[in-house]
Every structure is written in structure tokens, then in C-alpha cells.
Amino acid sequence: MDNNDNLYYVVSQNIKKQRKLKGWTQVKLAMESNISVDYLKKIETKSGCNKQFSLDTIQKIAKALNIDVRDLFNKL
């Protein structure tokens, strides 16, 4: 399966992109999302994409980034 077809990969890369657009570090986003930095790093890395992360986590991140959660599901 191509990475662009892997929903976890798409979401993780969109999180990373949105974070960088804000000029935020992983530490800043983790603090704003109330999740651990290590967990955010796992979400944003390709190896972490195979791990499942919850919709609750995605919602926390979207809220912290002040974006619609649906934006994180758009294919790259």
C-alpha cells in the first residue's frame, strides 16, 4: 500500500505540515494539545504511522492548531 493511501500517514504528515505552518516546535504543539512530546514525535514519524492513534488525540491536536479536524484527513 502506498503511503498516501495509509490514513495514519496522511494524518501524521498533515499534522506536521500544519505545525510547521504555525512555526511551532513539537514541544509547543504537544503542550498545547496536552499530549506527550514523545507521543507526538511517534505520530509525526513514518514509523509511528503504523501505530494507531485515537480520534480524541487528533481532535486535541486540531483544536490546538485551531483548524478543522477534517483538514487533517486531506490527501497530500
PDB file of N, CA and C in Angstrom:
ATOM      1  N   MET A   1       0.841  -1.189   0.000  1.00  0.00           N
ATOM      2  CA  MET A   1       0.000   0.000   0.000  1.00  0.00           C
ATOM      3  C   MET A   1       0.881   1.245   0.000  1.00  0.00           C
ATOM      4  N   ASP A   2       0.566   2.164  -0.856  1.00  0.00           N
ATOM      5  CA  ASP A   2       1.265   3.439  -0.958  1.00  0.00           C
ATOM      6  C   ASP A   2       1.012   4.256   0.308  1.00  0.00           C
ATOM      7  N   ASN A   3       2.027   5.000   0.760  1.00  0.00           N
ATOM      8  CA  ASN A   3       1.867   5.814   1.965  1.00  0.00           C
ATOM      9  C   ASN A   3       0.710   6.792   1.863  1.00  0.00           C
ATOM     10  N   ASN A   4       0.457   7.324   0.665  1.00  0.00           N
ATOM     11  CA  ASN A   4      -0.630   8.284   0.518  1.00  0.00           C
ATOM     12  C   ASN A   4      -2.002   7.636   0.687  1.00  0.00           C
ATOM     13  N   ASP A   5      -2.045   6.307   0.654  1.00  0.00           N
ATOM     14  CA  ASP A   5      -3.293   5.594   0.889  1.00  0.00           C
ATOM     15  C   ASP A   5      -3.440   5.183   2.354  1.00  0.00           C
ATOM     16  N   ASN A   6      -2.377   5.338   3.113  1.00  0.00           N
ATOM     17  CA  ASN A   6      -2.396   4.995   4.528  1.00  0.00           C
ATOM     18  C   ASN A   6      -2.919   6.204   5.299  1.00  0.00           C
ATOM     19  N   LEU A   7      -4.100   6.072   5.873  1.00  0.00           N
ATOM     20  CA  LEU A   7      -4.738   7.197   6.547  1.00  0.00           C
ATOM     21  C   LEU A   7      -3.890   7.745   7.691  1.00  0.00           C
ATOM     22  N   TYR A   8      -3.226   6.861   8.423  1.00  0.00           N
ATOM     23  CA  TYR A   8      -2.371   7.324   9.516  1.00  0.00           C
ATOM     24  C   TYR A   8      -1.221   8.176   8.984  1.00  0.00           C
ATOM     25  N   TYR A   9      -0.665   7.757   7.863  1.00  0.00           N
ATOM     26  CA  TYR A   9       0.422   8.538   7.257  1.00  0.00           C
ATOM     27  C   TYR A   9      -0.077   9.910   6.820  1.00  0.00           C
ATOM     28  N   VAL A  10      -1.215   9.952   6.158  1.00  0.00           N
ATOM     29  CA  VAL A  10      -1.791  11.212   5.674  1.00  0.00           C
ATOM     30  C   VAL A  10      -2.035  12.155   6.848  1.00  0.00           C
ATOM     31  N   VAL A  11      -2.669  11.644   7.900  1.00  0.00           N
ATOM     32  CA  VAL A  11      -2.961  12.483   9.071  1.00  0.00           C
ATOM     33  C   VAL A  11      -1.665  12.959   9.719  1.00  0.00           C
ATOM     34  N   SER A  12      -0.705  12.076   9.877  1.00  0.00           N
ATOM     35  CA  SER A  12       0.553  12.454  10.537  1.00  0.00           C
ATOM     36  C   SER A  12       1.296  13.531   9.762  1.00  0.00           C
ATOM     37  N   GLN A  13       1.310  13.409   8.441  1.00  0.00           N
ATOM     38  CA  GLN A  13       2.011  14.403   7.629  1.00  0.00           C
ATOM     39  C   GLN A  13       1.263  15.738   7.616  1.00  0.00           C
ATOM     40  N   ASN A  14      -0.058  15.688   7.679  1.00  0.00           N
ATOM     41  CA  ASN A  14      -0.837  16.920   7.756  1.00  0.00           C
ATOM     42  C   ASN A  14      -0.635  17.619   9.101  1.00  0.00           C
ATOM     43  N   ILE A  15      -0.517  16.840  10.165  1.00  0.00           N
ATOM     44  CA  ILE A  15      -0.233  17.427  11.481  1.00  0.00           C
ATOM     45  C   ILE A  15       1.108  18.140  11.438  1.00  0.00           C
ATOM     46  N   LYS A  16       2.108  17.462  10.901  1.00  0.00           N
ATOM     47  CA  LYS A  16       3.451  18.043  10.806  1.00  0.00           C
ATOM     48  C   LYS A  16       3.427  19.321   9.967  1.00  0.00           C
ATOM     49  N   LYS A  17       2.727  19.284   8.825  1.00  0.00           N
ATOM     50  CA  LYS A  17       2.640  20.441   7.933  1.00  0.00           C
ATOM     51  C   LYS A  17       1.966  21.620   8.637  1.00  0.00           C
ATOM     52  N   GLN A  18       0.843  21.364   9.285  1.00  0.00           N
ATOM     53  CA  GLN A  18       0.112  22.436   9.970  1.00  0.00           C
ATOM     54  C   GLN A  18       0.932  23.010  11.119  1.00  0.00           C
ATOM     55  N   ARG A  19       1.648  22.157  11.826  1.00  0.00           N
ATOM     56  CA  ARG A  19       2.507  22.618  12.926  1.00  0.00           C
ATOM     57  C   ARG A  19       3.589  23.548  12.399  1.00  0.00           C
ATOM     58  N   LYS A  20       4.217  23.142  11.305  1.00  0.00           N
ATOM     59  CA  LYS A  20       5.291  23.959  10.729  1.00  0.00           C
ATOM     60  C   LYS A  20       4.758  25.277  10.168  1.00  0.00           C
ATOM     61  N   LEU A  21       3.538  25.255   9.606  1.00  0.00           N
ATOM     62  CA  LEU A  21       2.938  26.500   9.103  1.00  0.00           C
ATOM     63  C   LEU A  21       2.748  27.511  10.225  1.00  0.00           C
ATOM     64  N   LYS A  22       2.499  27.020  11.436  1.00  0.00           N
ATOM     65  CA  LYS A  22       2.343  27.890  12.592  1.00  0.00           C
ATOM     66  C   LYS A  22       3.697  28.297  13.176  1.00  0.00           C
ATOM     67  N   GLY A  23       4.747  27.638  12.719  1.00  0.00           N
ATOM     68  CA  GLY A  23       6.080  27.929  13.254  1.00  0.00           C
ATOM     69  C   GLY A  23       6.279  27.331  14.642  1.00  0.00           C
ATOM     70  N   TRP A  24       5.516  26.291  14.946  1.00  0.00           N
ATOM     71  CA  TRP A  24       5.588  25.658  16.260  1.00  0.00           C
ATOM     72  C   TRP A  24       6.561  24.491  16.250  1.00  0.00           C
ATOM     73  N   THR A  25       7.184  24.272  17.397  1.00  0.00           N
ATOM     74  CA  THR A  25       8.004  23.078  17.597  1.00  0.00           C
ATOM     75  C   THR A  25       7.083  21.944  18.022  1.00  0.00           C
ATOM     76  N   GLN A  26       7.623  20.745  18.014  1.00  0.00           N
ATOM     77  CA  GLN A  26       6.854  19.602  18.505  1.00  0.00           C
ATOM     78  C   GLN A  26       6.519  19.788  19.981  1.00  0.00           C
ATOM     79  N   VAL A  27       7.438  20.376  20.722  1.00  0.00           N
ATOM     80  CA  VAL A  27       7.214  20.618  22.150  1.00  0.00           C
ATOM     81  C   VAL A  27       6.021  21.547  22.353  1.00  0.00           C
ATOM     82  N   LYS A  28       5.973  22.630  21.587  1.00  0.00           N
ATOM     83  CA  LYS A  28       4.871  23.594  21.692  1.00  0.00           C
ATOM     84  C   LYS A  28       3.533  22.927  21.363  1.00  0.00           C
ATOM     85  N   LEU A  29       3.473  22.181  20.258  1.00  0.00           N
ATOM     86  CA  LEU A  29       2.219  21.531  19.880  1.00  0.00           C
ATOM     87  C   LEU A  29       1.814  20.487  20.916  1.00  0.00           C
ATOM     88  N   ALA A  30       2.762  19.736  21.411  1.00  0.00           N
ATOM     89  CA  ALA A  30       2.456  18.726  22.434  1.00  0.00           C
ATOM     90  C   ALA A  30       1.873  19.391  23.679  1.00  0.00           C
ATOM     91  N   MET A  31       2.476  20.495  24.111  1.00  0.00           N
ATOM     92  CA  MET A  31       1.969  21.212  25.282  1.00  0.00           C
ATOM     93  C   MET A  31       0.563  21.747  25.031  1.00  0.00           C
ATOM     94  N   GLU A  32       0.357  22.353  23.870  1.00  0.00           N
ATOM     95  CA  GLU A  32      -0.951  22.929  23.534  1.00  0.00           C
ATOM     96  C   GLU A  32      -2.022  21.847  23.377  1.00  0.00           C
ATOM     97  N   SER A  33      -1.605  20.650  22.974  1.00  0.00           N
ATOM     98  CA  SER A  33      -2.540  19.536  22.749  1.00  0.00           C
ATOM     99  C   SER A  33      -2.735  18.673  23.984  1.00  0.00           C
ATOM    100  N   ASN A  34      -1.903  18.934  24.984  1.00  0.00           N
ATOM    101  CA  ASN A  34      -1.939  18.147  26.217  1.00  0.00           C
ATOM    102  C   ASN A  34      -1.630  16.669  25.959  1.00  0.00           C
ATOM    103  N   ILE A  35      -0.633  16.443  25.091  1.00  0.00           N
ATOM    104  CA  ILE A  35      -0.118  15.088  24.863  1.00  0.00           C
ATOM    105  C   ILE A  35       1.396  15.140  25.050  1.00  0.00           C
ATOM    106  N   SER A  36       2.017  13.995  25.214  1.00  0.00           N
ATOM    107  CA  SER A  36       3.465  13.993  25.445  1.00  0.00           C
ATOM    108  C   SER A  36       4.226  14.273  24.145  1.00  0.00           C
ATOM    109  N   VAL A  37       5.387  14.847  24.297  1.00  0.00           N
ATOM    110  CA  VAL A  37       6.244  15.138  23.148  1.00  0.00           C
ATOM    111  C   VAL A  37       6.639  13.838  22.461  1.00  0.00           C
ATOM    112  N   ASP A  38       6.949  12.825  23.241  1.00  0.00           N
ATOM    113  CA  ASP A  38       7.331  11.534  22.659  1.00  0.00           C
ATOM    114  C   ASP A  38       6.204  10.955  21.811  1.00  0.00           C
ATOM    115  N   TYR A  39       4.978  11.095  22.288  1.00  0.00           N
ATOM    116  CA  TYR A  39       3.826  10.588  21.542  1.00  0.00           C
ATOM    117  C   TYR A  39       3.659  11.363  20.243  1.00  0.00           C
ATOM    118  N   LEU A  40       3.795  12.680  20.304  1.00  0.00           N
ATOM    119  CA  LEU A  40       3.681  13.493  19.092  1.00  0.00           C
ATOM    120  C   LEU A  40       4.773  13.127  18.093  1.00  0.00           C
ATOM    121  N   LYS A  41       5.983  12.914  18.581  1.00  0.00           N
ATOM    122  CA  LYS A  41       7.083  12.513  17.691  1.00  0.00           C
ATOM    123  C   LYS A  41       6.752  11.201  16.986  1.00  0.00           C
ATOM    124  N   LYS A  42       6.174  10.258  17.720  1.00  0.00           N
ATOM    125  CA  LYS A  42       5.791   8.974  17.124  1.00  0.00           C
ATOM    126  C   LYS A  42       4.714   9.169  16.066  1.00  0.00           C
ATOM    127  N   ILE A  43       3.761  10.049  16.350  1.00  0.00           N
ATOM    128  CA  ILE A  43       2.689  10.313  15.390  1.00  0.00           C
ATOM    129  C   ILE A  43       3.260  10.916  14.105  1.00  0.00           C
ATOM    130  N   GLU A  44       4.194  11.839  14.247  1.00  0.00           N
ATOM    131  CA  GLU A  44       4.727  12.561  13.080  1.00  0.00           C
ATOM    132  C   GLU A  44       5.752  11.775  12.273  1.00  0.00           C
ATOM    133  N   THR A  45       6.312  10.720  12.829  1.00  0.00           N
ATOM    134  CA  THR A  45       7.328   9.972  12.087  1.00  0.00           C
ATOM    135  C   THR A  45       6.689   8.853  11.284  1.00  0.00           C
ATOM    136  N   LYS A  46       7.371   8.470  10.242  1.00  0.00           N
ATOM    137  CA  LYS A  46       6.848   7.410   9.376  1.00  0.00           C
ATOM    138  C   LYS A  46       6.675   6.111  10.139  1.00  0.00           C
ATOM    139  N   SER A  47       7.589   5.832  11.060  1.00  0.00           N
ATOM    140  CA  SER A  47       7.475   4.579  11.824  1.00  0.00           C
ATOM    141  C   SER A  47       6.260   4.610  12.740  1.00  0.00           C
ATOM    142  N   GLY A  48       5.904   5.797  13.201  1.00  0.00           N
ATOM    143  CA  GLY A  48       4.760   5.926  14.094  1.00  0.00           C
ATOM    144  C   GLY A  48       3.433   5.812  13.387  1.00  0.00           C
ATOM    145  N   CYS A  49       3.452   5.912  12.073  1.00  0.00           N
ATOM    146  CA  CYS A  49       2.200   5.889  11.308  1.00  0.00           C
ATOM    147  C   CYS A  49       1.531   4.534  11.355  1.00  0.00           C
ATOM    148  N   ASN A  50       2.314   3.502  11.646  1.00  0.00           N
ATOM    149  CA  ASN A  50       1.723   2.171  11.724  1.00  0.00           C
ATOM    150  C   ASN A  50       1.052   1.953  13.068  1.00  0.00           C
ATOM    151  N   LYS A  51       1.389   2.816  14.023  1.00  0.00           N
ATOM    152  CA  LYS A  51       0.750   2.725  15.329  1.00  0.00           C
ATOM    153  C   LYS A  51      -0.573   3.460  15.246  1.00  0.00           C
ATOM    154  N   GLN A  52      -1.523   2.997  15.982  1.00  0.00           N
ATOM    155  CA  GLN A  52      -2.826   3.642  15.948  1.00  0.00           C
ATOM    156  C   GLN A  52      -2.837   4.802  16.937  1.00  0.00           C
ATOM    157  N   PHE A  53      -3.421   5.892  16.514  1.00  0.00           N
ATOM    158  CA  PHE A  53      -3.676   6.985  17.451  1.00  0.00           C
ATOM    159  C   PHE A  53      -5.152   7.312  17.348  1.00  0.00           C
ATOM    160  N   SER A  54      -5.713   7.764  18.441  1.00  0.00           N
ATOM    161  CA  SER A  54      -7.163   7.895  18.539  1.00  0.00           C
ATOM    162  C   SER A  54      -7.694   9.178  17.905  1.00  0.00           C
ATOM    163  N   LEU A  55      -8.976   9.147  17.617  1.00  0.00           N
ATOM    164  CA  LEU A  55      -9.643  10.347  17.124  1.00  0.00           C
ATOM    165  C   LEU A  55      -9.598  11.439  18.178  1.00  0.00           C
ATOM    166  N   ASP A  56      -9.645  11.046  19.434  1.00  0.00           N
ATOM    167  CA  ASP A  56      -9.549  12.015  20.525  1.00  0.00           C
ATOM    168  C   ASP A  56      -8.224  12.777  20.445  1.00  0.00           C
ATOM    169  N   THR A  57      -7.156  12.054  20.192  1.00  0.00           N
ATOM    170  CA  THR A  57      -5.833  12.682  20.056  1.00  0.00           C
ATOM    171  C   THR A  57      -5.811  13.621  18.858  1.00  0.00           C
ATOM    172  N   ILE A  58      -6.368  13.177  17.748  1.00  0.00           N
ATOM    173  CA  ILE A  58      -6.403  14.007  16.543  1.00  0.00           C
ATOM    174  C   ILE A  58      -7.221  15.277  16.798  1.00  0.00           C
ATOM    175  N   GLN A  59      -8.322  15.136  17.525  1.00  0.00           N
ATOM    176  CA  GLN A  59      -9.144  16.310  17.841  1.00  0.00           C
ATOM    177  C   GLN A  59      -8.386  17.294  18.724  1.00  0.00           C
ATOM    178  N   LYS A  60      -7.653  16.790  19.697  1.00  0.00           N
ATOM    179  CA  LYS A  60      -6.859  17.661  20.576  1.00  0.00           C
ATOM    180  C   LYS A  60      -5.837  18.447  19.766  1.00  0.00           C
ATOM    181  N   ILE A  61      -5.189  17.758  18.835  1.00  0.00           N
ATOM    182  CA  ILE A  61      -4.160  18.401  18.010  1.00  0.00           C
ATOM    183  C   ILE A  61      -4.796  19.450  17.099  1.00  0.00           C
ATOM    184  N   ALA A  62      -5.905  19.104  16.454  1.00  0.00           N
ATOM    185  CA  ALA A  62      -6.595  20.051  15.569  1.00  0.00           C
ATOM    186  C   ALA A  62      -7.050  21.287  16.340  1.00  0.00           C
ATOM    187  N   LYS A  63      -7.578  21.067  17.529  1.00  0.00           N
ATOM    188  CA  LYS A  63      -8.032  22.192  18.356  1.00  0.00           C
ATOM    189  C   LYS A  63      -6.857  23.102  18.713  1.00  0.00           C
ATOM    190  N   ALA A  64      -5.741  22.505  19.097  1.00  0.00           N
ATOM    191  CA  ALA A  64      -4.546  23.284  19.441  1.00  0.00           C
ATOM    192  C   ALA A  64      -4.053  24.092  18.234  1.00  0.00           C
ATOM    193  N   LEU A  65      -4.137  23.486  17.047  1.00  0.00           N
ATOM    194  CA  LEU A  65      -3.701  24.161  15.822  1.00  0.00           C
ATOM    195  C   LEU A  65      -4.748  25.149  15.301  1.00  0.00           C
ATOM    196  N   ASN A  66      -5.934  25.112  15.912  1.00  0.00           N
ATOM    197  CA  ASN A  66      -7.044  25.979  15.502  1.00  0.00           C
ATOM    198  C   ASN A  66      -7.454  25.724  14.051  1.00  0.00           C
ATOM    199  N   ILE A  67      -7.559  24.431  13.715  1.00  0.00           N
ATOM    200  CA  ILE A  67      -8.002  24.039  12.376  1.00  0.00           C
ATOM    201  C   ILE A  67      -9.142  23.034  12.513  1.00  0.00           C
ATOM    202  N   ASP A  68      -9.880  22.853  11.442  1.00  0.00           N
ATOM    203  CA  ASP A  68     -10.941  21.862  11.403  1.00  0.00           C
ATOM    204  C   ASP A  68     -10.285  20.481  11.345  1.00  0.00           C
ATOM    205  N   VAL A  69     -10.738  19.579  12.178  1.00  0.00           N
ATOM    206  CA  VAL A  69     -10.138  18.247  12.226  1.00  0.00           C
ATOM    207  C   VAL A  69     -10.172  17.571  10.862  1.00  0.00           C
ATOM    208  N   ARG A  70     -11.177  17.892  10.059  1.00  0.00           N
ATOM    209  CA  ARG A  70     -11.278  17.283   8.727  1.00  0.00           C
ATOM    210  C   ARG A  70     -10.089  17.653   7.837  1.00  0.00           C
ATOM    211  N   ASP A  71      -9.478  18.792   8.089  1.00  0.00           N
ATOM    212  CA  ASP A  71      -8.316  19.206   7.290  1.00  0.00           C
ATOM    213  C   ASP A  71      -7.149  18.232   7.422  1.00  0.00           C
ATOM    214  N   LEU A  72      -7.115  17.511   8.518  1.00  0.00           N
ATOM    215  CA  LEU A  72      -6.010  16.579   8.740  1.00  0.00           C
ATOM    216  C   LEU A  72      -6.162  15.286   7.943  1.00  0.00           C
ATOM    217  N   PHE A  73      -7.334  15.091   7.347  1.00  0.00           N
ATOM    218  CA  PHE A  73      -7.583  13.861   6.597  1.00  0.00           C
ATOM    219  C   PHE A  73      -7.447  14.040   5.077  1.00  0.00           C
ATOM    220  N   ASN A  74      -7.140  15.255   4.628  1.00  0.00           N
ATOM    221  CA  ASN A  74      -6.988  15.506   3.198  1.00  0.00           C
ATOM    222  C   ASN A  74      -5.715  14.878   2.683  1.00  0.00           C
ATOM    223  N   LYS A  75      -5.815  14.157   1.566  1.00  0.00           N
ATOM    224  CA  LYS A  75      -4.615  13.548   0.990  1.00  0.00           C
ATOM    225  C   LYS A  75      -3.640  14.622   0.560  1.00  0.00           C
ATOM    226  N   LEU A  76      -2.375  14.300   0.681  1.00  0.00           N
ATOM    227  CA  LEU A  76      -1.305  15.263   0.390  1.00  0.00           C
ATOM    228  C   LEU A  76      -1.198  15.539  -1.091  1.00  0.00           C
TER     229      LEU A  76
END
